[in-house]
Amino acid sequence: MHEMSLAEGILQIVEDAARQQGFKRVTEVRLEIGALSGVEVEALSFCLDVVLKGGVAEGARLELEKIPGRGYCLGCGETVPVHALYDACPLCGSYQVQATGGTEMRVKDLLVE
């Protein structure tokens, strides 16, 4: 399950920020997760509950912002919405669509005390 390693990476970001900026507690962790990122949101949420226990973000609220998938179609030259990797272009039917957005996952920000 790669969501556990993602959760551990998020924990590292939170702990590094706490150390560098000197805050004592995180009340909310806000993440951006792309629709094409391959992240299972429920599994990530469960893993975060586990890895954040005992640290500065224990009990923090998790806010997830879903980023829609986008792609550039080489067939018609248009930027189009993409719901899954390797889907056909909704405009021309070509399968030559390169993902240009929605593949990312990042910590957007933290609310702290």
PDB file of N, CA and C in Angstrom:
ATOM      1  N   MET A   1       0.855  -1.177   0.000  1.00  0.00           N
ATOM      2  CA  MET A   1       0.000   0.000   0.000  1.00  0.00           C
ATOM      3  C   MET A   1       0.898   1.236   0.000  1.00  0.00           C
ATOM      4  N   HIS A   2       0.929   1.972  -1.096  1.00  0.00           N
ATOM      5  CA  HIS A   2       1.803   3.131  -1.157  1.00  0.00           C
ATOM      6  C   HIS A   2       1.246   4.322  -0.383  1.00  0.00           C
ATOM      7  N   GLU A   3      -0.013   4.275   0.033  1.00  0.00           N
ATOM      8  CA  GLU A   3      -0.578   5.361   0.823  1.00  0.00           C
ATOM      9  C   GLU A   3       0.127   5.492   2.172  1.00  0.00           C
ATOM     10  N   MET A   4       0.618   4.379   2.731  1.00  0.00           N
ATOM     11  CA  MET A   4       1.346   4.452   4.000  1.00  0.00           C
ATOM     12  C   MET A   4       2.643   5.242   3.823  1.00  0.00           C
ATOM     13  N   SER A   5       3.365   5.004   2.743  1.00  0.00           N
ATOM     14  CA  SER A   5       4.598   5.767   2.524  1.00  0.00           C
ATOM     15  C   SER A   5       4.279   7.235   2.236  1.00  0.00           C
ATOM     16  N   LEU A   6       3.156   7.505   1.569  1.00  0.00           N
ATOM     17  CA  LEU A   6       2.739   8.894   1.356  1.00  0.00           C
ATOM     18  C   LEU A   6       2.424   9.558   2.696  1.00  0.00           C
ATOM     19  N   ALA A   7       1.722   8.851   3.572  1.00  0.00           N
ATOM     20  CA  ALA A   7       1.390   9.384   4.893  1.00  0.00           C
ATOM     21  C   ALA A   7       2.650   9.654   5.705  1.00  0.00           C
ATOM     22  N   GLU A   8       3.628   8.771   5.609  1.00  0.00           N
ATOM     23  CA  GLU A   8       4.883   8.979   6.324  1.00  0.00           C
ATOM     24  C   GLU A   8       5.626  10.198   5.763  1.00  0.00           C
ATOM     25  N   GLY A   9       5.545  10.417   4.464  1.00  0.00           N
ATOM     26  CA  GLY A   9       6.139  11.602   3.858  1.00  0.00           C
ATOM     27  C   GLY A   9       5.457  12.874   4.335  1.00  0.00           C
ATOM     28  N   ILE A  10       4.140  12.838   4.458  1.00  0.00           N
ATOM     29  CA  ILE A  10       3.395  13.986   4.969  1.00  0.00           C
ATOM     30  C   ILE A  10       3.784  14.258   6.413  1.00  0.00           C
ATOM     31  N   LEU A  11       3.906  13.199   7.216  1.00  0.00           N
ATOM     32  CA  LEU A  11       4.353  13.340   8.602  1.00  0.00           C
ATOM     33  C   LEU A  11       5.714  14.027   8.658  1.00  0.00           C
ATOM     34  N   GLN A  12       6.618  13.643   7.785  1.00  0.00           N
ATOM     35  CA  GLN A  12       7.953  14.247   7.765  1.00  0.00           C
ATOM     36  C   GLN A  12       7.875  15.739   7.436  1.00  0.00           C
ATOM     37  N   ILE A  13       7.016  16.101   6.486  1.00  0.00           N
ATOM     38  CA  ILE A  13       6.824  17.515   6.132  1.00  0.00           C
ATOM     39  C   ILE A  13       6.289  18.295   7.329  1.00  0.00           C
ATOM     40  N   VAL A  14       5.308  17.722   8.026  1.00  0.00           N
ATOM     41  CA  VAL A  14       4.718  18.379   9.192  1.00  0.00           C
ATOM     42  C   VAL A  14       5.754  18.552  10.296  1.00  0.00           C
ATOM     43  N   GLU A  15       6.503  17.500  10.589  1.00  0.00           N
ATOM     44  CA  GLU A  15       7.513  17.575  11.652  1.00  0.00           C
ATOM     45  C   GLU A  15       8.626  18.554  11.304  1.00  0.00           C
ATOM     46  N   ASP A  16       9.068  18.562  10.054  1.00  0.00           N
ATOM     47  CA  ASP A  16      10.100  19.512   9.625  1.00  0.00           C
ATOM     48  C   ASP A  16       9.609  20.949   9.769  1.00  0.00           C
ATOM     49  N   ALA A  17       8.355  21.197   9.369  1.00  0.00           N
ATOM     50  CA  ALA A  17       7.788  22.544   9.483  1.00  0.00           C
ATOM     51  C   ALA A  17       7.687  22.962  10.948  1.00  0.00           C
ATOM     52  N   ALA A  18       7.270  22.049  11.812  1.00  0.00           N
ATOM     53  CA  ALA A  18       7.155  22.354  13.240  1.00  0.00           C
ATOM     54  C   ALA A  18       8.524  22.696  13.827  1.00  0.00           C
ATOM     55  N   ARG A  19       9.529  21.948  13.448  1.00  0.00           N
ATOM     56  CA  ARG A  19      10.882  22.183  13.937  1.00  0.00           C
ATOM     57  C   ARG A  19      11.413  23.537  13.437  1.00  0.00           C
ATOM     58  N   GLN A  20      11.215  23.827  12.170  1.00  0.00           N
ATOM     59  CA  GLN A  20      11.738  25.054  11.578  1.00  0.00           C
ATOM     60  C   GLN A  20      10.987  26.302  12.037  1.00  0.00           C
ATOM     61  N   GLN A  21       9.660  26.178  12.224  1.00  0.00           N
ATOM     62  CA  GLN A  21       8.856  27.356  12.521  1.00  0.00           C
ATOM     63  C   GLN A  21       8.431  27.458  13.984  1.00  0.00           C
ATOM     64  N   GLY A  22       8.684  26.420  14.754  1.00  0.00           N
ATOM     65  CA  GLY A  22       8.473  26.464  16.193  1.00  0.00           C
ATOM     66  C   GLY A  22       7.032  26.411  16.671  1.00  0.00           C
ATOM     67  N   PHE A  23       6.129  25.874  15.896  1.00  0.00           N
ATOM     68  CA  PHE A  23       4.767  25.746  16.400  1.00  0.00           C
ATOM     69  C   PHE A  23       4.635  24.450  17.197  1.00  0.00           C
ATOM     70  N   LYS A  24       3.627  24.437  18.065  1.00  0.00           N
ATOM     71  CA  LYS A  24       3.458  23.318  19.004  1.00  0.00           C
ATOM     72  C   LYS A  24       2.426  22.304  18.561  1.00  0.00           C
ATOM     73  N   ARG A  25       1.426  22.745  17.779  1.00  0.00           N
ATOM     74  CA  ARG A  25       0.338  21.834  17.434  1.00  0.00           C
ATOM     75  C   ARG A  25      -0.230  22.193  16.067  1.00  0.00           C
ATOM     76  N   VAL A  26      -0.566  21.151  15.307  1.00  0.00           N
ATOM     77  CA  VAL A  26      -1.225  21.307  14.016  1.00  0.00           C
ATOM     78  C   VAL A  26      -2.690  20.937  14.207  1.00  0.00           C
ATOM     79  N   THR A  27      -3.581  21.858  13.818  1.00  0.00           N
ATOM     80  CA  THR A  27      -5.012  21.596  13.976  1.00  0.00           C
ATOM     81  C   THR A  27      -5.650  21.131  12.668  1.00  0.00           C
ATOM     82  N   GLU A  28      -5.009  21.433  11.539  1.00  0.00           N
ATOM     83  CA  GLU A  28      -5.558  21.015  10.246  1.00  0.00           C
ATOM     84  C   GLU A  28      -4.426  20.845   9.242  1.00  0.00           C
ATOM     85  N   VAL A  29      -4.515  19.754   8.485  1.00  0.00           N
ATOM     86  CA  VAL A  29      -3.586  19.483   7.385  1.00  0.00           C
ATOM     87  C   VAL A  29      -4.399  19.550   6.105  1.00  0.00           C
ATOM     88  N   ARG A  30      -4.001  20.442   5.190  1.00  0.00           N
ATOM     89  CA  ARG A  30      -4.735  20.567   3.931  1.00  0.00           C
ATOM     90  C   ARG A  30      -3.879  20.032   2.786  1.00  0.00           C
ATOM     91  N   LEU A  31      -4.469  19.095   2.045  1.00  0.00           N
ATOM     92  CA  LEU A  31      -3.780  18.434   0.941  1.00  0.00           C
ATOM     93  C   LEU A  31      -4.494  18.697  -0.367  1.00  0.00           C
ATOM     94  N   GLU A  32      -3.727  18.766  -1.435  1.00  0.00           N
ATOM     95  CA  GLU A  32      -4.269  18.768  -2.789  1.00  0.00           C
ATOM     96  C   GLU A  32      -3.926  17.418  -3.389  1.00  0.00           C
ATOM     97  N   ILE A  33      -4.943  16.722  -3.908  1.00  0.00           N
ATOM     98  CA  ILE A  33      -4.738  15.398  -4.489  1.00  0.00           C
ATOM     99  C   ILE A  33      -5.362  15.377  -5.872  1.00  0.00           C
ATOM    100  N   GLY A  34      -4.541  15.113  -6.866  1.00  0.00           N
ATOM    101  CA  GLY A  34      -5.016  15.072  -8.240  1.00  0.00           C
ATOM    102  C   GLY A  34      -5.838  13.832  -8.529  1.00  0.00           C
ATOM    103  N   ALA A  35      -6.832  14.002  -9.384  1.00  0.00           N
ATOM    104  CA  ALA A  35      -7.701  12.886  -9.764  1.00  0.00           C
ATOM    105  C   ALA A  35      -6.932  11.780 -10.481  1.00  0.00           C
ATOM    106  N   LEU A  36      -5.796  12.115 -11.079  1.00  0.00           N
ATOM    107  CA  LEU A  36      -4.990  11.136 -11.816  1.00  0.00           C
ATOM    108  C   LEU A  36      -3.765  10.685 -11.027  1.00  0.00           C
ATOM    109  N   SER A  37      -3.689  11.034  -9.751  1.00  0.00           N
ATOM    110  CA  SER A  37      -2.496  10.750  -8.949  1.00  0.00           C
ATOM    111  C   SER A  37      -2.367   9.287  -8.535  1.00  0.00           C
ATOM    112  N   GLY A  38      -3.465   8.547  -8.596  1.00  0.00           N
ATOM    113  CA  GLY A  38      -3.420   7.149  -8.175  1.00  0.00           C
ATOM    114  C   GLY A  38      -3.498   6.980  -6.667  1.00  0.00           C
ATOM    115  N   VAL A  39      -3.833   8.038  -5.945  1.00  0.00           N
ATOM    116  CA  VAL A  39      -3.935   7.975  -4.487  1.00  0.00           C
ATOM    117  C   VAL A  39      -5.351   7.584  -4.104  1.00  0.00           C
ATOM    118  N   GLU A  40      -5.473   6.556  -3.282  1.00  0.00           N
ATOM    119  CA  GLU A  40      -6.762   6.136  -2.732  1.00  0.00           C
ATOM    120  C   GLU A  40      -6.996   6.971  -1.473  1.00  0.00           C
ATOM    121  N   VAL A  41      -7.902   7.925  -1.566  1.00  0.00           N
ATOM    122  CA  VAL A  41      -8.101   8.925  -0.517  1.00  0.00           C
ATOM    123  C   VAL A  41      -8.480   8.295   0.827  1.00  0.00           C
ATOM    124  N   GLU A  42      -9.377   7.325   0.831  1.00  0.00           N
ATOM    125  CA  GLU A  42      -9.779   6.698   2.090  1.00  0.00           C
ATOM    126  C   GLU A  42      -8.609   5.972   2.751  1.00  0.00           C
ATOM    127  N   ALA A  43      -7.793   5.304   1.948  1.00  0.00           N
ATOM    128  CA  ALA A  43      -6.630   4.605   2.495  1.00  0.00           C
ATOM    129  C   ALA A  43      -5.618   5.604   3.048  1.00  0.00           C
ATOM    130  N   LEU A  44      -5.403   6.713   2.331  1.00  0.00           N
ATOM    131  CA  LEU A  44      -4.473   7.737   2.809  1.00  0.00           C
ATOM    132  C   LEU A  44      -4.967   8.334   4.116  1.00  0.00           C
ATOM    133  N   SER A  45      -6.254   8.599   4.215  1.00  0.00           N
ATOM    134  CA  SER A  45      -6.824   9.151   5.435  1.00  0.00           C
ATOM    135  C   SER A  45      -6.611   8.205   6.615  1.00  0.00           C
ATOM    136  N   PHE A  46      -6.847   6.912   6.398  1.00  0.00           N
ATOM    137  CA  PHE A  46      -6.619   5.913   7.441  1.00  0.00           C
ATOM    138  C   PHE A  46      -5.146   5.896   7.857  1.00  0.00           C
ATOM    139  N   CYS A  47      -4.256   5.886   6.887  1.00  0.00           N
ATOM    140  CA  CYS A  47      -2.822   5.847   7.172  1.00  0.00           C
ATOM    141  C   CYS A  47      -2.370   7.099   7.926  1.00  0.00           C
ATOM    142  N   LEU A  48      -2.922   8.253   7.574  1.00  0.00           N
ATOM    143  CA  LEU A  48      -2.571   9.483   8.289  1.00  0.00           C
ATOM    144  C   LEU A  48      -3.021   9.424   9.740  1.00  0.00           C
ATOM    145  N   ASP A  49      -4.194   8.859   9.986  1.00  0.00           N
ATOM    146  CA  ASP A  49      -4.650   8.698  11.369  1.00  0.00           C
ATOM    147  C   ASP A  49      -3.635   7.899  12.174  1.00  0.00           C
ATOM    148  N   VAL A  50      -3.058   6.892  11.552  1.00  0.00           N
ATOM    149  CA  VAL A  50      -2.096   6.022  12.229  1.00  0.00           C
ATOM    150  C   VAL A  50      -0.765   6.743  12.457  1.00  0.00           C
ATOM    151  N   VAL A  51      -0.191   7.341  11.406  1.00  0.00           N
ATOM    152  CA  VAL A  51       1.163   7.902  11.524  1.00  0.00           C
ATOM    153  C   VAL A  51       1.211   9.226  12.275  1.00  0.00           C
ATOM    154  N   LEU A  52       0.103   9.953  12.355  1.00  0.00           N
ATOM    155  CA  LEU A  52       0.116  11.242  13.051  1.00  0.00           C
ATOM    156  C   LEU A  52      -0.072  11.107  14.555  1.00  0.00           C
ATOM    157  N   LYS A  53      -0.425   9.919  15.035  1.00  0.00           N
ATOM    158  CA  LYS A  53      -0.612   9.700  16.481  1.00  0.00           C
ATOM    159  C   LYS A  53       0.694   9.971  17.233  1.00  0.00           C
ATOM    160  N   GLY A  54       0.557  10.692  18.343  1.00  0.00           N
ATOM    161  CA  GLY A  54       1.702  10.943  19.203  1.00  0.00           C
ATOM    162  C   GLY A  54       2.576  12.102  18.775  1.00  0.00           C
ATOM    163  N   GLY A  55       2.227  12.772  17.696  1.00  0.00           N
ATOM    164  CA  GLY A  55       3.039  13.892  17.218  1.00  0.00           C
ATOM    165  C   GLY A  55       2.292  15.215  17.296  1.00  0.00           C
ATOM    166  N   VAL A  56       2.869  16.244  16.693  1.00  0.00           N
ATOM    167  CA  VAL A  56       2.274  17.585  16.737  1.00  0.00           C
ATOM    168  C   VAL A  56       0.959  17.671  15.976  1.00  0.00           C
ATOM    169  N   ALA A  57       0.675  16.709  15.107  1.00  0.00           N
ATOM    170  CA  ALA A  57      -0.553  16.742  14.310  1.00  0.00           C
ATOM    171  C   ALA A  57      -1.571  15.698  14.744  1.00  0.00           C
ATOM    172  N   GLU A  58      -1.360  15.103  15.916  1.00  0.00           N
ATOM    173  CA  GLU A  58      -2.336  14.114  16.382  1.00  0.00           C
ATOM    174  C   GLU A  58      -3.707  14.767  16.525  1.00  0.00           C
ATOM    175  N   GLY A  59      -4.726  14.136  15.949  1.00  0.00           N
ATOM    176  CA  GLY A  59      -6.081  14.662  16.012  1.00  0.00           C
ATOM    177  C   GLY A  59      -6.375  15.796  15.045  1.00  0.00           C
ATOM    178  N   ALA A  60      -5.402  16.153  14.203  1.00  0.00           N
ATOM    179  CA  ALA A  60      -5.619  17.240  13.246  1.00  0.00           C
ATOM    180  C   ALA A  60      -6.694  16.858  12.236  1.00  0.00           C
ATOM    181  N   ARG A  61      -7.468  17.854  11.838  1.00  0.00           N
ATOM    182  CA  ARG A  61      -8.486  17.653  10.812  1.00  0.00           C
ATOM    183  C   ARG A  61      -7.788  17.559   9.464  1.00  0.00           C
ATOM    184  N   LEU A  62      -8.263  16.663   8.627  1.00  0.00           N
ATOM    185  CA  LEU A  62      -7.708  16.474   7.291  1.00  0.00           C
ATOM    186  C   LEU A  62      -8.648  17.090   6.269  1.00  0.00           C
ATOM    187  N   GLU A  63      -8.147  18.046   5.514  1.00  0.00           N
ATOM    188  CA  GLU A  63      -8.917  18.713   4.459  1.00  0.00           C
ATOM    189  C   GLU A  63      -8.306  18.304   3.118  1.00  0.00           C
ATOM    190  N   LEU A  64      -9.134  17.729   2.243  1.00  0.00           N
ATOM    191  CA  LEU A  64      -8.652  17.265   0.943  1.00  0.00           C
ATOM    192  C   LEU A  64      -9.292  18.081  -0.175  1.00  0.00           C
ATOM    193  N   GLU A  65      -8.467  18.616  -1.029  1.00  0.00           N
ATOM    194  CA  GLU A  65      -8.958  19.325  -2.217  1.00  0.00           C
ATOM    195  C   GLU A  65      -8.611  18.479  -3.431  1.00  0.00           C
ATOM    196  N   LYS A  66      -9.637  18.066  -4.151  1.00  0.00           N
ATOM    197  CA  LYS A  66      -9.448  17.215  -5.334  1.00  0.00           C
ATOM    198  C   LYS A  66      -9.136  18.111  -6.537  1.00  0.00           C
ATOM    199  N   ILE A  67      -8.039  17.829  -7.218  1.00  0.00           N
ATOM    200  CA  ILE A  67      -7.633  18.569  -8.406  1.00  0.00           C
ATOM    201  C   ILE A  67      -8.070  17.751  -9.623  1.00  0.00           C
ATOM    202  N   PRO A  68      -8.870  18.332 -10.514  1.00  0.00           N
ATOM    203  CA  PRO A  68      -9.352  17.569 -11.674  1.00  0.00           C
ATOM    204  C   PRO A  68      -8.221  17.234 -12.646  1.00  0.00           C
ATOM    205  N   GLY A  69      -8.399  16.146 -13.367  1.00  0.00           N
ATOM    206  CA  GLY A  69      -7.420  15.745 -14.373  1.00  0.00           C
ATOM    207  C   GLY A  69      -7.562  16.586 -15.640  1.00  0.00           C
ATOM    208  N   ARG A  70      -6.421  16.911 -16.245  1.00  0.00           N
ATOM    209  CA  ARG A  70      -6.385  17.633 -17.512  1.00  0.00           C
ATOM    210  C   ARG A  70      -5.337  16.976 -18.386  1.00  0.00           C
ATOM    211  N   GLY A  71      -5.526  17.118 -19.684  1.00  0.00           N
ATOM    212  CA  GLY A  71      -4.546  16.573 -20.607  1.00  0.00           C
ATOM    213  C   GLY A  71      -4.509  17.368 -21.901  1.00  0.00           C
ATOM    214  N   TYR A  72      -3.401  17.223 -22.594  1.00  0.00           N
ATOM    215  CA  TYR A  72      -3.248  17.853 -23.906  1.00  0.00           C
ATOM    216  C   TYR A  72      -3.353  16.755 -24.952  1.00  0.00           C
ATOM    217  N   CYS A  73      -4.293  16.918 -25.868  1.00  0.00           N
ATOM    218  CA  CYS A  73      -4.506  15.928 -26.917  1.00  0.00           C
ATOM    219  C   CYS A  73      -3.622  16.243 -28.112  1.00  0.00           C
ATOM    220  N   LEU A  74      -2.756  15.312 -28.459  1.00  0.00           N
ATOM    221  CA  LEU A  74      -1.891  15.482 -29.627  1.00  0.00           C
ATOM    222  C   LEU A  74      -2.681  15.363 -30.919  1.00  0.00           C
ATOM    223  N   GLY A  75      -3.829  14.684 -30.864  1.00  0.00           N
ATOM    224  CA  GLY A  75      -4.663  14.497 -32.048  1.00  0.00           C
ATOM    225  C   GLY A  75      -5.340  15.781 -32.509  1.00  0.00           C
ATOM    226  N   CYS A  76      -5.958  16.496 -31.563  1.00  0.00           N
ATOM    227  CA  CYS A  76      -6.701  17.705 -31.946  1.00  0.00           C
ATOM    228  C   CYS A  76      -6.074  18.995 -31.439  1.00  0.00           C
ATOM    229  N   GLY A  77      -5.017  18.864 -30.616  1.00  0.00           N
ATOM    230  CA  GLY A  77      -4.326  20.055 -30.130  1.00  0.00           C
ATOM    231  C   GLY A  77      -5.060  20.835 -29.056  1.00  0.00           C
ATOM    232  N   GLU A  78      -5.988  20.190 -28.374  1.00  0.00           N
ATOM    233  CA  GLU A  78      -6.781  20.860 -27.349  1.00  0.00           C
ATOM    234  C   GLU A  78      -6.422  20.349 -25.950  1.00  0.00           C
ATOM    235  N   THR A  79      -6.579  21.223 -24.968  1.00  0.00           N
ATOM    236  CA  THR A  79      -6.494  20.819 -23.571  1.00  0.00           C
ATOM    237  C   THR A  79      -7.889  20.372 -23.151  1.00  0.00           C
ATOM    238  N   VAL A  80      -7.969  19.165 -22.607  1.00  0.00           N
ATOM    239  CA  VAL A  80      -9.266  18.548 -22.326  1.00  0.00           C
ATOM    240  C   VAL A  80      -9.312  17.994 -20.900  1.00  0.00           C
ATOM    241  N   PRO A  81     -10.523  17.856 -20.347  1.00  0.00           N
ATOM    242  CA  PRO A  81     -10.642  17.180 -19.049  1.00  0.00           C
ATOM    243  C   PRO A  81     -10.363  15.690 -19.225  1.00  0.00           C
ATOM    244  N   VAL A  82      -9.673  15.109 -18.244  1.00  0.00           N
ATOM    245  CA  VAL A  82      -9.332  13.686 -18.286  1.00  0.00           C
ATOM    246  C   VAL A  82      -9.764  13.075 -16.960  1.00  0.00           C
ATOM    247  N   HIS A  83     -10.541  11.998 -17.031  1.00  0.00           N
ATOM    248  CA  HIS A  83     -11.040  11.361 -15.811  1.00  0.00           C
ATOM    249  C   HIS A  83     -10.172  10.196 -15.360  1.00  0.00           C
ATOM    250  N   ALA A  84      -9.411   9.611 -16.280  1.00  0.00           N
ATOM    251  CA  ALA A  84      -8.515   8.502 -15.951  1.00  0.00           C
ATOM    252  C   ALA A  84      -7.352   8.521 -16.946  1.00  0.00           C
ATOM    253  N   LEU A  85      -6.185   8.121 -16.457  1.00  0.00           N
ATOM    254  CA  LEU A  85      -5.039   8.025 -17.357  1.00  0.00           C
ATOM    255  C   LEU A  85      -5.367   7.087 -18.510  1.00  0.00           C
ATOM    256  N   TYR A  86      -4.911   7.432 -19.665  1.00  0.00           N
ATOM    257  CA  TYR A  86      -5.062   6.631 -20.887  1.00  0.00           C
ATOM    258  C   TYR A  86      -6.481   6.627 -21.438  1.00  0.00           C
ATOM    259  N   ASP A  87      -7.336   7.536 -20.951  1.00  0.00           N
ATOM    260  CA  ASP A  87      -8.654   7.701 -21.564  1.00  0.00           C
ATOM    261  C   ASP A  87      -8.498   8.368 -22.923  1.00  0.00           C
ATOM    262  N   ALA A  88      -9.482   8.161 -23.770  1.00  0.00           N
ATOM    263  CA  ALA A  88      -9.504   8.824 -25.074  1.00  0.00           C
ATOM    264  C   ALA A  88      -9.891  10.292 -24.903  1.00  0.00           C
ATOM    265  N   CYS A  89      -9.477  11.111 -25.843  1.00  0.00           N
ATOM    266  CA  CYS A  89      -9.862  12.520 -25.871  1.00  0.00           C
ATOM    267  C   CYS A  89     -11.377  12.611 -26.023  1.00  0.00           C
ATOM    268  N   PRO A  90     -12.035  13.389 -25.165  1.00  0.00           N
ATOM    269  CA  PRO A  90     -13.486  13.510 -25.280  1.00  0.00           C
ATOM    270  C   PRO A  90     -13.929  14.299 -26.518  1.00  0.00           C
ATOM    271  N   LEU A  91     -12.997  15.005 -27.154  1.00  0.00           N
ATOM    272  CA  LEU A  91     -13.351  15.789 -28.335  1.00  0.00           C
ATOM    273  C   LEU A  91     -13.177  15.026 -29.647  1.00  0.00           C
ATOM    274  N   CYS A  92     -12.021  14.333 -29.793  1.00  0.00           N
ATOM    275  CA  CYS A  92     -11.747  13.690 -31.087  1.00  0.00           C
ATOM    276  C   CYS A  92     -11.603  12.172 -31.011  1.00  0.00           C
ATOM    277  N   GLY A  93     -11.539  11.615 -29.795  1.00  0.00           N
ATOM    278  CA  GLY A  93     -11.424  10.172 -29.646  1.00  0.00           C
ATOM    279  C   GLY A  93     -10.007   9.622 -29.686  1.00  0.00           C
ATOM    280  N   SER A  94      -9.018  10.478 -29.898  1.00  0.00           N
ATOM    281  CA  SER A  94      -7.623  10.037 -29.944  1.00  0.00           C
ATOM    282  C   SER A  94      -7.169   9.559 -28.563  1.00  0.00           C
ATOM    283  N   TYR A  95      -6.289   8.565 -28.569  1.00  0.00           N
ATOM    284  CA  TYR A  95      -5.697   8.091 -27.317  1.00  0.00           C
ATOM    285  C   TYR A  95      -4.335   8.719 -27.066  1.00  0.00           C
ATOM    286  N   GLN A  96      -3.979   9.717 -27.814  1.00  0.00           N
ATOM    287  CA  GLN A  96      -2.702  10.411 -27.642  1.00  0.00           C
ATOM    288  C   GLN A  96      -2.908  11.642 -26.764  1.00  0.00           C
ATOM    289  N   VAL A  97      -3.290  11.393 -25.535  1.00  0.00           N
ATOM    290  CA  VAL A  97      -3.537  12.467 -24.576  1.00  0.00           C
ATOM    291  C   VAL A  97      -2.473  12.395 -23.492  1.00  0.00           C
ATOM    292  N   GLN A  98      -1.734  13.498 -23.330  1.00  0.00           N
ATOM    293  CA  GLN A  98      -0.702  13.574 -22.297  1.00  0.00           C
ATOM    294  C   GLN A  98      -1.255  14.329 -21.098  1.00  0.00           C
ATOM    295  N   ALA A  99      -1.157  13.728 -19.915  1.00  0.00           N
ATOM    296  CA  ALA A  99      -1.655  14.372 -18.698  1.00  0.00           C
ATOM    297  C   ALA A  99      -0.862  15.648 -18.430  1.00  0.00           C
ATOM    298  N   THR A 100      -1.568  16.731 -18.184  1.00  0.00           N
ATOM    299  CA  THR A 100      -0.924  18.012 -17.860  1.00  0.00           C
ATOM    300  C   THR A 100      -1.341  18.533 -16.494  1.00  0.00           C
ATOM    301  N   GLY A 101      -2.287  17.897 -15.858  1.00  0.00           N
ATOM    302  CA  GLY A 101      -2.733  18.322 -14.539  1.00  0.00           C
ATOM    303  C   GLY A 101      -3.527  17.224 -13.863  1.00  0.00           C
ATOM    304  N   GLY A 102      -3.535  17.285 -12.542  1.00  0.00           N
ATOM    305  CA  GLY A 102      -4.283  16.291 -11.782  1.00  0.00           C
ATOM    306  C   GLY A 102      -3.468  15.074 -11.396  1.00  0.00           C
ATOM    307  N   THR A 103      -2.165  15.088 -11.665  1.00  0.00           N
ATOM    308  CA  THR A 103      -1.312  13.958 -11.291  1.00  0.00           C
ATOM    309  C   THR A 103      -0.582  14.214  -9.970  1.00  0.00           C
ATOM    310  N   GLU A 104      -0.714  15.408  -9.447  1.00  0.00           N
ATOM    311  CA  GLU A 104       0.062  15.806  -8.276  1.00  0.00           C
ATOM    312  C   GLU A 104      -0.629  15.469  -6.960  1.00  0.00           C
ATOM    313  N   MET A 105       0.174  15.432  -5.911  1.00  0.00           N
ATOM    314  CA  MET A 105      -0.300  15.379  -4.544  1.00  0.00           C
ATOM    315  C   MET A 105       0.650  16.220  -3.739  1.00  0.00           C
ATOM    316  N   ARG A 106       0.116  17.175  -2.970  1.00  0.00           N
ATOM    317  CA  ARG A 106       0.999  18.022  -2.182  1.00  0.00           C
ATOM    318  C   ARG A 106       0.317  18.493  -0.903  1.00  0.00           C
ATOM    319  N   VAL A 107       1.138  18.839   0.068  1.00  0.00           N
ATOM    320  CA  VAL A 107       0.637  19.472   1.268  1.00  0.00           C
ATOM    321  C   VAL A 107       0.439  20.951   0.925  1.00  0.00           C
ATOM    322  N   LYS A 108      -0.800  21.382   0.921  1.00  0.00           N
ATOM    323  CA  LYS A 108      -1.115  22.776   0.566  1.00  0.00           C
ATOM    324  C   LYS A 108      -0.708  23.713   1.691  1.00  0.00           C
ATOM    325  N   ASP A 109      -1.178  23.420   2.895  1.00  0.00           N
ATOM    326  CA  ASP A 109      -0.773  24.211   4.050  1.00  0.00           C
ATOM    327  C   ASP A 109      -1.216  23.536   5.343  1.00  0.00           C
ATOM    328  N   LEU A 110      -0.794  24.116   6.441  1.00  0.00           N
ATOM    329  CA  LEU A 110      -1.106  23.601   7.775  1.00  0.00           C
ATOM    330  C   LEU A 110      -1.713  24.730   8.583  1.00  0.00           C
ATOM    331  N   LEU A 111      -2.718  24.432   9.384  1.00  0.00           N
ATOM    332  CA  LEU A 111      -3.211  25.376  10.355  1.00  0.00           C
ATOM    333  C   LEU A 111      -2.604  24.959  11.695  1.00  0.00           C
ATOM    334  N   VAL A 112      -1.982  25.922  12.381  1.00  0.00           N
ATOM    335  CA  VAL A 112      -1.206  25.595  13.577  1.00  0.00           C
ATOM    336  C   VAL A 112      -1.565  26.503  14.747  1.00  0.00           C
ATOM    337  N   GLU A 113      -1.132  26.066  15.926  1.00  0.00           N
ATOM    338  CA  GLU A 113      -1.265  26.876  17.136  1.00  0.00           C
ATOM    339  C   GLU A 113       0.123  27.196  17.645  1.00  0.00           C
TER     340      GLU A 113
END
